[in-house]
Amino acid sequence: MSFLEPNAFSYLTVSVIMFALGIIGVMTRRNGIVVFMCIELMLNAVNLSLVAFSKMHHLNPLNPADPTTGATGSMLVFFVMCVAAAEAVVGLSVIIALFRNKLDIDINNVNIFKW
């Protein structure tokens, strides 16, 4: 392993930074689309950490003696990406419906319980 080759800890550091930026964005922003993008950023941070942990621990449940990286982390990332795609479709449709009804995507001004 050379000095410039990133290891799993550098991937985890990037993942923590991405997740923290996503949390800060969700907490501070009021625009619905920006909040939605910050949630997607947090999901991608989780994906990156899953792959990093899979690389770090060389998980291969079919053959524990195999030194190559197993597919466990990649399979989890695939399922998380499927959930993220479904969440993107539902989230964007809700944002578009709110914009059509209220003509505003500021999440502080939206109250769905008011008639």
C-alpha atoms as a PDB file:
ATOM      1  CA  MET A   1       0.000   0.000   0.000  1.00  0.00           C
ATOM      2  CA  SER A   2       1.499   3.276  -1.087  1.00  0.00           C
ATOM      3  CA  PHE A   3       1.327   6.540   0.801  1.00  0.00           C
ATOM      4  CA  LEU A   4      -1.149   8.134  -1.625  1.00  0.00           C
ATOM      5  CA  GLU A   5      -3.549   5.184  -1.700  1.00  0.00           C
ATOM      6  CA  PRO A   6      -6.585   5.927   0.472  1.00  0.00           C
ATOM      7  CA  ASN A   7      -7.447   3.418   3.158  1.00  0.00           C
ATOM      8  CA  ALA A   8     -10.817   2.654   4.699  1.00  0.00           C
ATOM      9  CA  PHE A   9     -10.369   5.249   7.447  1.00  0.00           C
ATOM     10  CA  SER A  10     -10.111   8.079   4.925  1.00  0.00           C
ATOM     11  CA  TYR A  11     -13.349   6.875   3.326  1.00  0.00           C
ATOM     12  CA  LEU A  12     -14.979   6.833   6.748  1.00  0.00           C
ATOM     13  CA  THR A  13     -13.746  10.367   7.396  1.00  0.00           C
ATOM     14  CA  VAL A  14     -15.315  11.567   4.149  1.00  0.00           C
ATOM     15  CA  SER A  15     -18.480   9.682   5.052  1.00  0.00           C
ATOM     16  CA  VAL A  16     -18.696  11.366   8.468  1.00  0.00           C
ATOM     17  CA  ILE A  17     -18.152  14.788   6.897  1.00  0.00           C
ATOM     18  CA  MET A  18     -20.858  14.123   4.293  1.00  0.00           C
ATOM     19  CA  PHE A  19     -23.299  12.923   6.948  1.00  0.00           C
ATOM     20  CA  ALA A  20     -22.585  15.942   9.161  1.00  0.00           C
ATOM     21  CA  LEU A  21     -23.149  18.317   6.235  1.00  0.00           C
ATOM     22  CA  GLY A  22     -26.432  16.568   5.518  1.00  0.00           C
ATOM     23  CA  ILE A  23     -27.592  16.918   9.117  1.00  0.00           C
ATOM     24  CA  ILE A  24     -26.587  20.574   9.200  1.00  0.00           C
ATOM     25  CA  GLY A  25     -28.456  21.159   5.944  1.00  0.00           C
ATOM     26  CA  VAL A  26     -31.622  19.476   7.203  1.00  0.00           C
ATOM     27  CA  MET A  27     -31.518  21.433  10.463  1.00  0.00           C
ATOM     28  CA  THR A  28     -30.775  24.870   9.027  1.00  0.00           C
ATOM     29  CA  ARG A  29     -32.386  25.065   5.593  1.00  0.00           C
ATOM     30  CA  ARG A  30     -36.016  25.874   4.917  1.00  0.00           C
ATOM     31  CA  ASN A  31     -36.192  25.138   1.196  1.00  0.00           C
ATOM     32  CA  GLY A  32     -37.840  21.763   0.606  1.00  0.00           C
ATOM     33  CA  ILE A  33     -35.592  20.809  -2.299  1.00  0.00           C
ATOM     34  CA  VAL A  34     -32.410  21.629  -0.371  1.00  0.00           C
ATOM     35  CA  VAL A  35     -33.632  19.588   2.606  1.00  0.00           C
ATOM     36  CA  PHE A  36     -34.404  16.742   0.222  1.00  0.00           C
ATOM     37  CA  MET A  37     -30.889  16.935  -1.278  1.00  0.00           C
ATOM     38  CA  CYS A  38     -29.373  16.898   2.223  1.00  0.00           C
ATOM     39  CA  ILE A  39     -31.296  13.721   3.045  1.00  0.00           C
ATOM     40  CA  GLU A  40     -29.926  12.158  -0.151  1.00  0.00           C
ATOM     41  CA  LEU A  41     -26.437  13.273   0.914  1.00  0.00           C
ATOM     42  CA  MET A  42     -26.876  11.461   4.222  1.00  0.00           C
ATOM     43  CA  LEU A  43     -27.989   8.292   2.410  1.00  0.00           C
ATOM     44  CA  ASN A  44     -24.902   8.448   0.180  1.00  0.00           C
ATOM     45  CA  ALA A  45     -22.705   8.902   3.263  1.00  0.00           C
ATOM     46  CA  VAL A  46     -24.176   5.711   4.703  1.00  0.00           C
ATOM     47  CA  ASN A  47     -23.492   3.927   1.406  1.00  0.00           C
ATOM     48  CA  LEU A  48     -19.879   5.058   1.475  1.00  0.00           C
ATOM     49  CA  SER A  49     -19.421   3.872   5.044  1.00  0.00           C
ATOM     50  CA  LEU A  50     -20.943   0.464   4.215  1.00  0.00           C
ATOM     51  CA  VAL A  51     -18.479  -0.014   1.379  1.00  0.00           C
ATOM     52  CA  ALA A  52     -15.596   1.196   3.564  1.00  0.00           C
ATOM     53  CA  PHE A  53     -16.472  -1.233   6.352  1.00  0.00           C
ATOM     54  CA  SER A  54     -16.805  -4.036   3.819  1.00  0.00           C
ATOM     55  CA  LYS A  55     -13.357  -3.211   2.460  1.00  0.00           C
ATOM     56  CA  MET A  56     -11.880  -2.862   5.926  1.00  0.00           C
ATOM     57  CA  HIS A  57     -13.173  -6.176   7.274  1.00  0.00           C
ATOM     58  CA  HIS A  58     -13.034  -8.206   4.040  1.00  0.00           C
ATOM     59  CA  LEU A  59     -16.473  -9.656   4.587  1.00  0.00           C
ATOM     60  CA  ASN A  60     -17.175 -12.772   2.554  1.00  0.00           C
ATOM     61  CA  PRO A  61     -19.820 -14.910   4.263  1.00  0.00           C
ATOM     62  CA  LEU A  62     -19.590 -17.698   1.687  1.00  0.00           C
ATOM     63  CA  ASN A  63     -15.895 -18.368   2.252  1.00  0.00           C
ATOM     64  CA  PRO A  64     -14.379 -16.763   5.383  1.00  0.00           C
ATOM     65  CA  ALA A  65     -10.869 -17.861   4.395  1.00  0.00           C
ATOM     66  CA  ASP A  66     -11.051 -15.902   1.123  1.00  0.00           C
ATOM     67  CA  PRO A  67      -8.918 -12.724   1.473  1.00  0.00           C
ATOM     68  CA  THR A  68     -10.794 -10.857  -1.249  1.00  0.00           C
ATOM     69  CA  THR A  69     -13.490  -8.398  -0.356  1.00  0.00           C
ATOM     70  CA  GLY A  70     -16.909  -9.995  -0.265  1.00  0.00           C
ATOM     71  CA  ALA A  71     -20.094  -8.655  -1.731  1.00  0.00           C
ATOM     72  CA  THR A  72     -21.936  -8.063   1.548  1.00  0.00           C
ATOM     73  CA  GLY A  73     -21.310  -4.315   1.674  1.00  0.00           C
ATOM     74  CA  SER A  74     -22.047  -3.931  -2.012  1.00  0.00           C
ATOM     75  CA  MET A  75     -25.341  -5.784  -1.671  1.00  0.00           C
ATOM     76  CA  LEU A  76     -26.359  -3.550   1.237  1.00  0.00           C
ATOM     77  CA  VAL A  77     -25.440  -0.493  -0.815  1.00  0.00           C
ATOM     78  CA  PHE A  78     -27.583  -1.796  -3.670  1.00  0.00           C
ATOM     79  CA  PHE A  79     -30.596  -2.136  -1.367  1.00  0.00           C
ATOM     80  CA  VAL A  80     -30.018   1.313   0.139  1.00  0.00           C
ATOM     81  CA  MET A  81     -29.790   2.777  -3.373  1.00  0.00           C
ATOM     82  CA  CYS A  82     -33.111   1.126  -4.273  1.00  0.00           C
ATOM     83  CA  VAL A  83     -34.714   2.640  -1.181  1.00  0.00           C
ATOM     84  CA  ALA A  84     -33.141   6.015  -2.016  1.00  0.00           C
ATOM     85  CA  ALA A  85     -34.547   5.870  -5.547  1.00  0.00           C
ATOM     86  CA  ALA A  86     -38.023   5.120  -4.220  1.00  0.00           C
ATOM     87  CA  GLU A  87     -37.640   7.887  -1.639  1.00  0.00           C
ATOM     88  CA  ALA A  88     -36.561  10.303  -4.384  1.00  0.00           C
ATOM     89  CA  VAL A  89     -39.656   9.546  -6.438  1.00  0.00           C
ATOM     90  CA  VAL A  90     -42.045   9.927  -3.506  1.00  0.00           C
ATOM     91  CA  GLY A  91     -40.233  12.953  -2.058  1.00  0.00           C
ATOM     92  CA  LEU A  92     -40.116  14.868  -5.316  1.00  0.00           C
ATOM     93  CA  SER A  93     -43.766  14.115  -6.027  1.00  0.00           C
ATOM     94  CA  VAL A  94     -44.716  15.454  -2.575  1.00  0.00           C
ATOM     95  CA  ILE A  95     -42.626  18.581  -3.130  1.00  0.00           C
ATOM     96  CA  ILE A  96     -44.215  19.153  -6.556  1.00  0.00           C
ATOM     97  CA  ALA A  97     -47.715  18.636  -5.113  1.00  0.00           C
ATOM     98  CA  LEU A  98     -46.993  21.113  -2.302  1.00  0.00           C
ATOM     99  CA  PHE A  99     -45.656  23.652  -4.775  1.00  0.00           C
ATOM    100  CA  ARG A 100     -48.725  23.290  -6.980  1.00  0.00           C
ATOM    101  CA  ASN A 101     -51.074  23.821  -4.031  1.00  0.00           C
ATOM    102  CA  LYS A 102     -49.198  26.478  -2.030  1.00  0.00           C
ATOM    103  CA  LEU A 103     -46.891  28.010  -4.691  1.00  0.00           C
ATOM    104  CA  ASP A 104     -44.142  27.860  -2.084  1.00  0.00           C
ATOM    105  CA  ILE A 105     -41.622  25.198  -1.065  1.00  0.00           C
ATOM    106  CA  ASP A 106     -40.612  26.788   2.225  1.00  0.00           C
ATOM    107  CA  ILE A 107     -41.148  23.966   4.725  1.00  0.00           C
ATOM    108  CA  ASN A 108     -41.956  26.380   7.564  1.00  0.00           C
ATOM    109  CA  ASN A 109     -44.967  27.758   5.660  1.00  0.00           C
ATOM    110  CA  VAL A 110     -46.418  24.367   4.768  1.00  0.00           C
ATOM    111  CA  ASN A 111     -49.055  22.999   7.093  1.00  0.00           C
ATOM    112  CA  ILE A 112     -50.879  20.056   5.557  1.00  0.00           C
ATOM    113  CA  PHE A 113     -53.421  19.901   8.383  1.00  0.00           C
ATOM    114  CA  LYS A 114     -54.892  23.325   7.536  1.00  0.00           C
ATOM    115  CA  TRP A 115     -57.782  23.423   5.094  1.00  0.00           C
END
